[in-house]
Amino acid sequence: MNFDFAYLVPIVAIIGGITYAIFNQYFKSRRRDNEGSPAVREALARSNETNAALLSRLTAMDTRLAAIERTLSEVG
């Protein structure tokens, strides 16, 4: 029984192409669902606002701490 592997190449290529197309569509739809969701956008906007508020508070605390350090170094 002699099997010619030349027939196997197109079959494997067709199966691989179909598998690639299925996975490509699946992941493309998952990306679209996550990026376009209004809930995700709203959560990201709230997170950005919170981070900006925290950054401004930390900057203010850093400024106050620098003033305290300056005063302590002058006294000591």
C-alpha atoms as a PDB file:
ATOM      1  CA  MET A   1       0.000   0.000   0.000  1.00  0.00           C
ATOM      2  CA  ASN A   2       1.707   3.126  -1.216  1.00  0.00           C
ATOM      3  CA  PHE A   3       0.449   6.516   0.059  1.00  0.00           C
ATOM      4  CA  ASP A   4       1.450   9.675  -1.740  1.00  0.00           C
ATOM      5  CA  PHE A   5       2.046  12.506   0.741  1.00  0.00           C
ATOM      6  CA  ALA A   6       1.504  15.080  -1.997  1.00  0.00           C
ATOM      7  CA  TYR A   7      -2.248  14.612  -1.513  1.00  0.00           C
ATOM      8  CA  LEU A   8      -1.895  15.349   2.183  1.00  0.00           C
ATOM      9  CA  VAL A   9      -0.427  18.870   1.725  1.00  0.00           C
ATOM     10  CA  PRO A  10      -3.573  20.517   0.269  1.00  0.00           C
ATOM     11  CA  ILE A  11      -5.793  18.783   2.825  1.00  0.00           C
ATOM     12  CA  VAL A  12      -3.670  20.058   5.720  1.00  0.00           C
ATOM     13  CA  ALA A  13      -3.588  23.547   4.145  1.00  0.00           C
ATOM     14  CA  ILE A  14      -7.383  23.641   3.823  1.00  0.00           C
ATOM     15  CA  ILE A  15      -7.899  22.459   7.400  1.00  0.00           C
ATOM     16  CA  GLY A  16      -5.341  25.000   8.646  1.00  0.00           C
ATOM     17  CA  GLY A  17      -6.975  27.824   6.699  1.00  0.00           C
ATOM     18  CA  ILE A  18     -10.416  27.016   8.062  1.00  0.00           C
ATOM     19  CA  THR A  19      -9.070  26.774  11.615  1.00  0.00           C
ATOM     20  CA  TYR A  20      -7.257  30.104  11.234  1.00  0.00           C
ATOM     21  CA  ALA A  21     -10.409  31.797   9.925  1.00  0.00           C
ATOM     22  CA  ILE A  22     -12.490  30.485  12.831  1.00  0.00           C
ATOM     23  CA  PHE A  23     -10.004  31.643  15.474  1.00  0.00           C
ATOM     24  CA  ASN A  24      -9.510  34.986  13.728  1.00  0.00           C
ATOM     25  CA  GLN A  25     -13.250  35.726  13.746  1.00  0.00           C
ATOM     26  CA  TYR A  26     -13.580  34.586  17.369  1.00  0.00           C
ATOM     27  CA  PHE A  27     -10.810  36.836  18.674  1.00  0.00           C
ATOM     28  CA  LYS A  28     -11.878  39.759  16.490  1.00  0.00           C
ATOM     29  CA  SER A  29     -15.399  39.621  17.937  1.00  0.00           C
ATOM     30  CA  ARG A  30     -14.029  39.378  21.487  1.00  0.00           C
ATOM     31  CA  ARG A  31     -11.897  42.495  20.920  1.00  0.00           C
ATOM     32  CA  ARG A  32     -14.852  44.393  19.470  1.00  0.00           C
ATOM     33  CA  ASP A  33     -17.066  43.455  22.436  1.00  0.00           C
ATOM     34  CA  ASN A  34     -14.516  44.620  25.005  1.00  0.00           C
ATOM     35  CA  GLU A  35     -13.456  47.827  23.290  1.00  0.00           C
ATOM     36  CA  GLY A  36     -16.902  49.047  22.332  1.00  0.00           C
ATOM     37  CA  SER A  37     -18.626  48.392  25.634  1.00  0.00           C
ATOM     38  CA  PRO A  38     -19.953  51.597  27.230  1.00  0.00           C
ATOM     39  CA  ALA A  39     -19.524  50.054  30.691  1.00  0.00           C
ATOM     40  CA  VAL A  40     -15.829  49.492  30.075  1.00  0.00           C
ATOM     41  CA  ARG A  41     -15.377  53.043  28.799  1.00  0.00           C
ATOM     42  CA  GLU A  42     -17.198  54.449  31.817  1.00  0.00           C
ATOM     43  CA  ALA A  43     -15.118  52.362  34.211  1.00  0.00           C
ATOM     44  CA  LEU A  44     -11.904  53.521  32.532  1.00  0.00           C
ATOM     45  CA  ALA A  45     -13.014  57.160  32.714  1.00  0.00           C
ATOM     46  CA  ARG A  46     -13.804  56.818  36.424  1.00  0.00           C
ATOM     47  CA  SER A  47     -10.461  55.122  37.013  1.00  0.00           C
ATOM     48  CA  ASN A  48      -8.640  57.934  35.216  1.00  0.00           C
ATOM     49  CA  GLU A  49     -10.464  60.556  37.289  1.00  0.00           C
ATOM     50  CA  THR A  50      -9.590  58.727  40.504  1.00  0.00           C
ATOM     51  CA  ASN A  51      -5.950  58.406  39.489  1.00  0.00           C
ATOM     52  CA  ALA A  52      -5.770  62.118  38.635  1.00  0.00           C
ATOM     53  CA  ALA A  53      -7.262  63.049  42.025  1.00  0.00           C
ATOM     54  CA  LEU A  54      -4.815  60.776  43.827  1.00  0.00           C
ATOM     55  CA  LEU A  55      -1.908  62.219  41.896  1.00  0.00           C
ATOM     56  CA  SER A  56      -2.859  65.776  42.822  1.00  0.00           C
ATOM     57  CA  ARG A  57      -3.192  64.811  46.502  1.00  0.00           C
ATOM     58  CA  LEU A  58       0.184  63.066  46.458  1.00  0.00           C
ATOM     59  CA  THR A  59       1.776  66.099  44.822  1.00  0.00           C
ATOM     60  CA  ALA A  60       0.319  68.359  47.513  1.00  0.00           C
ATOM     61  CA  MET A  61       1.589  66.026  50.240  1.00  0.00           C
ATOM     62  CA  ASP A  62       5.037  65.976  48.643  1.00  0.00           C
ATOM     63  CA  THR A  63       5.135  69.769  48.617  1.00  0.00           C
ATOM     64  CA  ARG A  64       4.106  69.945  52.283  1.00  0.00           C
ATOM     65  CA  LEU A  65       6.672  67.293  53.223  1.00  0.00           C
ATOM     66  CA  ALA A  66       9.424  69.228  51.458  1.00  0.00           C
ATOM     67  CA  ALA A  67       8.471  72.344  53.444  1.00  0.00           C
ATOM     68  CA  ILE A  68       8.559  70.368  56.697  1.00  0.00           C
ATOM     69  CA  GLU A  69      11.964  68.902  55.820  1.00  0.00           C
ATOM     70  CA  ARG A  70      13.300  72.365  55.035  1.00  0.00           C
ATOM     71  CA  THR A  71      12.047  73.681  58.378  1.00  0.00           C
ATOM     72  CA  LEU A  72      13.550  70.762  60.287  1.00  0.00           C
ATOM     73  CA  SER A  73      16.902  71.142  58.599  1.00  0.00           C
ATOM     74  CA  GLU A  74      16.943  74.863  59.455  1.00  0.00           C
ATOM     75  CA  VAL A  75      16.090  74.161  63.101  1.00  0.00           C
ATOM     76  CA  GLY A  76      18.514  71.256  63.474  1.00  0.00           C
END
